[in-house]
Amino acid sequence: MAEQWEDCGTPFWEASDKLFLPERMAEFEAIHETDEFDSTISRIVVNYIDKPNNGTKEKIDAEAAMRRLFPQFDWDKFLSNIKPHCVCPEFNGNMGFCINDGFGSHIFCSAVAELDEELRFLRWDNM
């Protein structure tokens, strides 16, 4: 499980006990070692990395997939606490934005992204 989260900063179960649902760990353990787990993660990456996110391409529902793959993470609490810092046009005509996770910046700490006209992520940094 750790390798799926540690690349984004502090693992969520260390970042905030408010986001960890230990009673749902058995569900996670049942799916974690399956082919579905790895194939779903791969589908999300293939569908979203360097691809338009403007509705022109049919894609896997990444949020629903992540909720199914990581049931021990309180997605509702996490998503409802994301705080925007700014949205601004970039000098090259793209759009940039910055967000905070609302949990002491342990998961998103001044996350910054740049999107093009097709809403493709050109740059994503989690500082």
C-alpha atoms as a PDB file:
ATOM      1  CA  MET A   1       0.000   0.000   0.000  1.00  0.00           C
ATOM      2  CA  ALA A   2       2.743   2.454   0.895  1.00  0.00           C
ATOM      3  CA  GLU A   3       4.197   2.672  -2.609  1.00  0.00           C
ATOM      4  CA  GLN A   4       0.848   3.938  -3.932  1.00  0.00           C
ATOM      5  CA  TRP A   5       0.855   6.954  -1.604  1.00  0.00           C
ATOM      6  CA  GLU A   6       4.370   7.863  -0.519  1.00  0.00           C
ATOM      7  CA  ASP A   7       5.268   9.519  -3.818  1.00  0.00           C
ATOM      8  CA  CYS A   8       2.760  12.243  -2.936  1.00  0.00           C
ATOM      9  CA  GLY A   9       4.444  13.313   0.294  1.00  0.00           C
ATOM     10  CA  THR A  10       3.396  11.985   3.667  1.00  0.00           C
ATOM     11  CA  PRO A  11       1.429   8.705   3.518  1.00  0.00           C
ATOM     12  CA  PHE A  12      -2.181   9.567   4.327  1.00  0.00           C
ATOM     13  CA  TRP A  13      -2.360   7.210   7.301  1.00  0.00           C
ATOM     14  CA  GLU A  14       0.489   9.206   8.877  1.00  0.00           C
ATOM     15  CA  ALA A  15      -0.757  12.593   7.675  1.00  0.00           C
ATOM     16  CA  SER A  16      -4.095  12.551   9.414  1.00  0.00           C
ATOM     17  CA  ASP A  17      -5.934   9.922  11.381  1.00  0.00           C
ATOM     18  CA  LYS A  18      -9.049  11.792  10.260  1.00  0.00           C
ATOM     19  CA  LEU A  19      -8.586  10.390   6.744  1.00  0.00           C
ATOM     20  CA  PHE A  20      -7.825   6.790   7.688  1.00  0.00           C
ATOM     21  CA  LEU A  21     -10.680   4.307   8.084  1.00  0.00           C
ATOM     22  CA  PRO A  22      -9.072   1.264   9.749  1.00  0.00           C
ATOM     23  CA  GLU A  23     -12.368  -0.632   9.745  1.00  0.00           C
ATOM     24  CA  ARG A  24     -12.136  -0.752   5.930  1.00  0.00           C
ATOM     25  CA  MET A  25      -8.618  -2.234   5.723  1.00  0.00           C
ATOM     26  CA  ALA A  26      -9.929  -5.755   5.081  1.00  0.00           C
ATOM     27  CA  GLU A  27     -11.631  -4.486   1.898  1.00  0.00           C
ATOM     28  CA  PHE A  28      -8.364  -2.928   0.747  1.00  0.00           C
ATOM     29  CA  GLU A  29      -6.336  -6.053   1.504  1.00  0.00           C
ATOM     30  CA  ALA A  30      -8.810  -8.179  -0.468  1.00  0.00           C
ATOM     31  CA  ILE A  31      -8.367  -6.130  -3.649  1.00  0.00           C
ATOM     32  CA  HIS A  32      -4.759  -4.915  -3.298  1.00  0.00           C
ATOM     33  CA  GLU A  33      -3.055  -8.075  -4.588  1.00  0.00           C
ATOM     34  CA  THR A  34      -5.475  -8.660  -7.470  1.00  0.00           C
ATOM     35  CA  ASP A  35      -4.989  -8.081 -11.182  1.00  0.00           C
ATOM     36  CA  GLU A  36      -7.908  -5.655 -11.042  1.00  0.00           C
ATOM     37  CA  PHE A  37      -5.960  -3.372  -8.705  1.00  0.00           C
ATOM     38  CA  ASP A  38      -2.935  -3.042 -10.998  1.00  0.00           C
ATOM     39  CA  SER A  39      -4.969  -2.907 -14.205  1.00  0.00           C
ATOM     40  CA  THR A  40      -7.256  -0.185 -12.841  1.00  0.00           C
ATOM     41  CA  ILE A  41      -4.306   1.962 -11.762  1.00  0.00           C
ATOM     42  CA  SER A  42      -2.781   1.462 -15.226  1.00  0.00           C
ATOM     43  CA  ARG A  43      -6.075   2.436 -16.918  1.00  0.00           C
ATOM     44  CA  ILE A  44      -6.263   5.642 -14.895  1.00  0.00           C
ATOM     45  CA  VAL A  45      -2.721   6.584 -15.884  1.00  0.00           C
ATOM     46  CA  VAL A  46      -3.237   5.726 -19.562  1.00  0.00           C
ATOM     47  CA  ASN A  47      -6.576   7.571 -19.669  1.00  0.00           C
ATOM     48  CA  TYR A  48      -5.429  10.780 -18.002  1.00  0.00           C
ATOM     49  CA  ILE A  49      -1.688  11.351 -18.468  1.00  0.00           C
ATOM     50  CA  ASP A  50      -1.065  13.602 -21.475  1.00  0.00           C
ATOM     51  CA  LYS A  51      -4.660  13.170 -22.670  1.00  0.00           C
ATOM     52  CA  PRO A  52      -7.397  15.816 -23.008  1.00  0.00           C
ATOM     53  CA  ASN A  53      -9.626  16.139 -19.945  1.00  0.00           C
ATOM     54  CA  ASN A  54     -12.248  18.283 -21.640  1.00  0.00           C
ATOM     55  CA  GLY A  55     -14.875  15.592 -22.232  1.00  0.00           C
ATOM     56  CA  THR A  56     -13.806  14.730 -25.781  1.00  0.00           C
ATOM     57  CA  LYS A  57     -12.409  11.296 -24.801  1.00  0.00           C
ATOM     58  CA  GLU A  58     -14.295   8.632 -22.873  1.00  0.00           C
ATOM     59  CA  LYS A  59     -12.343   7.689 -19.748  1.00  0.00           C
ATOM     60  CA  ILE A  60     -12.495   5.538 -16.671  1.00  0.00           C
ATOM     61  CA  ASP A  61     -14.181   7.285 -13.728  1.00  0.00           C
ATOM     62  CA  ALA A  62     -10.947   7.857 -11.801  1.00  0.00           C
ATOM     63  CA  GLU A  63     -12.664   8.989  -8.599  1.00  0.00           C
ATOM     64  CA  ALA A  64     -14.960   5.960  -8.470  1.00  0.00           C
ATOM     65  CA  ALA A  65     -12.014   3.666  -9.218  1.00  0.00           C
ATOM     66  CA  MET A  66      -9.858   5.198  -6.486  1.00  0.00           C
ATOM     67  CA  ARG A  67     -12.729   4.954  -4.000  1.00  0.00           C
ATOM     68  CA  ARG A  68     -13.043   1.254  -4.835  1.00  0.00           C
ATOM     69  CA  LEU A  69      -9.279   0.579  -4.717  1.00  0.00           C
ATOM     70  CA  PHE A  70      -8.607   2.537  -1.529  1.00  0.00           C
ATOM     71  CA  PRO A  71     -11.706   2.117   0.682  1.00  0.00           C
ATOM     72  CA  GLN A  72      -9.658   2.844   3.819  1.00  0.00           C
ATOM     73  CA  PHE A  73      -9.206   6.475   2.705  1.00  0.00           C
ATOM     74  CA  ASP A  74     -11.986   8.911   3.588  1.00  0.00           C
ATOM     75  CA  TRP A  75     -12.452  10.421   0.125  1.00  0.00           C
ATOM     76  CA  ASP A  76     -15.493  12.517   1.091  1.00  0.00           C
ATOM     77  CA  LYS A  77     -13.658  14.227   3.935  1.00  0.00           C
ATOM     78  CA  PHE A  78     -10.522  14.726   1.854  1.00  0.00           C
ATOM     79  CA  LEU A  79     -12.260  16.173  -1.216  1.00  0.00           C
ATOM     80  CA  SER A  80     -14.505  18.454   0.838  1.00  0.00           C
ATOM     81  CA  ASN A  81     -11.464  19.967   2.573  1.00  0.00           C
ATOM     82  CA  ILE A  82      -9.373  20.865  -0.485  1.00  0.00           C
ATOM     83  CA  LYS A  83      -8.789  24.605  -0.408  1.00  0.00           C
ATOM     84  CA  PRO A  84      -8.005  26.635  -3.530  1.00  0.00           C
ATOM     85  CA  HIS A  85      -5.230  29.204  -3.224  1.00  0.00           C
ATOM     86  CA  CYS A  86      -5.376  30.699  -6.691  1.00  0.00           C
ATOM     87  CA  VAL A  87      -6.329  30.194 -10.320  1.00  0.00           C
ATOM     88  CA  CYS A  88      -4.497  32.306 -12.838  1.00  0.00           C
ATOM     89  CA  PRO A  89      -3.653  32.549 -16.513  1.00  0.00           C
ATOM     90  CA  GLU A  90      -0.075  31.566 -17.323  1.00  0.00           C
ATOM     91  CA  PHE A  91       2.131  33.690 -19.611  1.00  0.00           C
ATOM     92  CA  ASN A  92       1.853  31.042 -22.365  1.00  0.00           C
ATOM     93  CA  GLY A  93      -1.956  31.137 -22.524  1.00  0.00           C
ATOM     94  CA  ASN A  94      -2.472  28.111 -20.279  1.00  0.00           C
ATOM     95  CA  MET A  95      -4.202  28.075 -16.904  1.00  0.00           C
ATOM     96  CA  GLY A  96      -2.465  27.471 -13.597  1.00  0.00           C
ATOM     97  CA  PHE A  97      -3.852  26.772 -10.147  1.00  0.00           C
ATOM     98  CA  CYS A  98      -2.695  26.040  -6.630  1.00  0.00           C
ATOM     99  CA  ILE A  99      -4.533  24.043  -3.905  1.00  0.00           C
ATOM    100  CA  ASN A 100      -4.007  22.936  -0.305  1.00  0.00           C
ATOM    101  CA  ASP A 101      -5.340  19.714   1.225  1.00  0.00           C
ATOM    102  CA  GLY A 102      -6.936  21.271   4.319  1.00  0.00           C
ATOM    103  CA  PHE A 103      -5.126  18.733   6.538  1.00  0.00           C
ATOM    104  CA  GLY A 104      -2.016  20.652   7.456  1.00  0.00           C
ATOM    105  CA  SER A 105      -0.546  20.361   3.945  1.00  0.00           C
ATOM    106  CA  HIS A 106       0.478  16.758   4.555  1.00  0.00           C
ATOM    107  CA  ILE A 107      -0.958  15.343   1.330  1.00  0.00           C
ATOM    108  CA  PHE A 108      -1.234  18.404  -0.908  1.00  0.00           C
ATOM    109  CA  CYS A 109       1.175  21.105   0.145  1.00  0.00           C
ATOM    110  CA  SER A 110       0.782  23.976  -2.271  1.00  0.00           C
ATOM    111  CA  ALA A 111      -0.023  21.632  -5.125  1.00  0.00           C
ATOM    112  CA  VAL A 112       0.459  23.534  -8.361  1.00  0.00           C
ATOM    113  CA  ALA A 113      -0.661  22.508 -11.833  1.00  0.00           C
ATOM    114  CA  GLU A 114      -0.735  23.944 -15.312  1.00  0.00           C
ATOM    115  CA  LEU A 115      -3.366  22.941 -17.865  1.00  0.00           C
ATOM    116  CA  ASP A 116      -3.660  23.622 -21.573  1.00  0.00           C
ATOM    117  CA  GLU A 117      -6.800  24.402 -23.606  1.00  0.00           C
ATOM    118  CA  GLU A 118      -7.787  20.700 -23.621  1.00  0.00           C
ATOM    119  CA  LEU A 119      -7.333  20.567 -19.819  1.00  0.00           C
ATOM    120  CA  ARG A 120      -4.300  18.296 -20.177  1.00  0.00           C
ATOM    121  CA  PHE A 121      -2.005  18.486 -17.177  1.00  0.00           C
ATOM    122  CA  LEU A 122       1.230  19.948 -18.505  1.00  0.00           C
ATOM    123  CA  ARG A 123       2.852  20.265 -15.110  1.00  0.00           C
ATOM    124  CA  TRP A 124       1.968  19.016 -11.639  1.00  0.00           C
ATOM    125  CA  ASP A 125       4.065  19.797  -8.579  1.00  0.00           C
ATOM    126  CA  ASN A 126       3.275  18.973  -4.980  1.00  0.00           C
ATOM    127  CA  MET A 127       5.704  21.086  -2.967  1.00  0.00           C
END
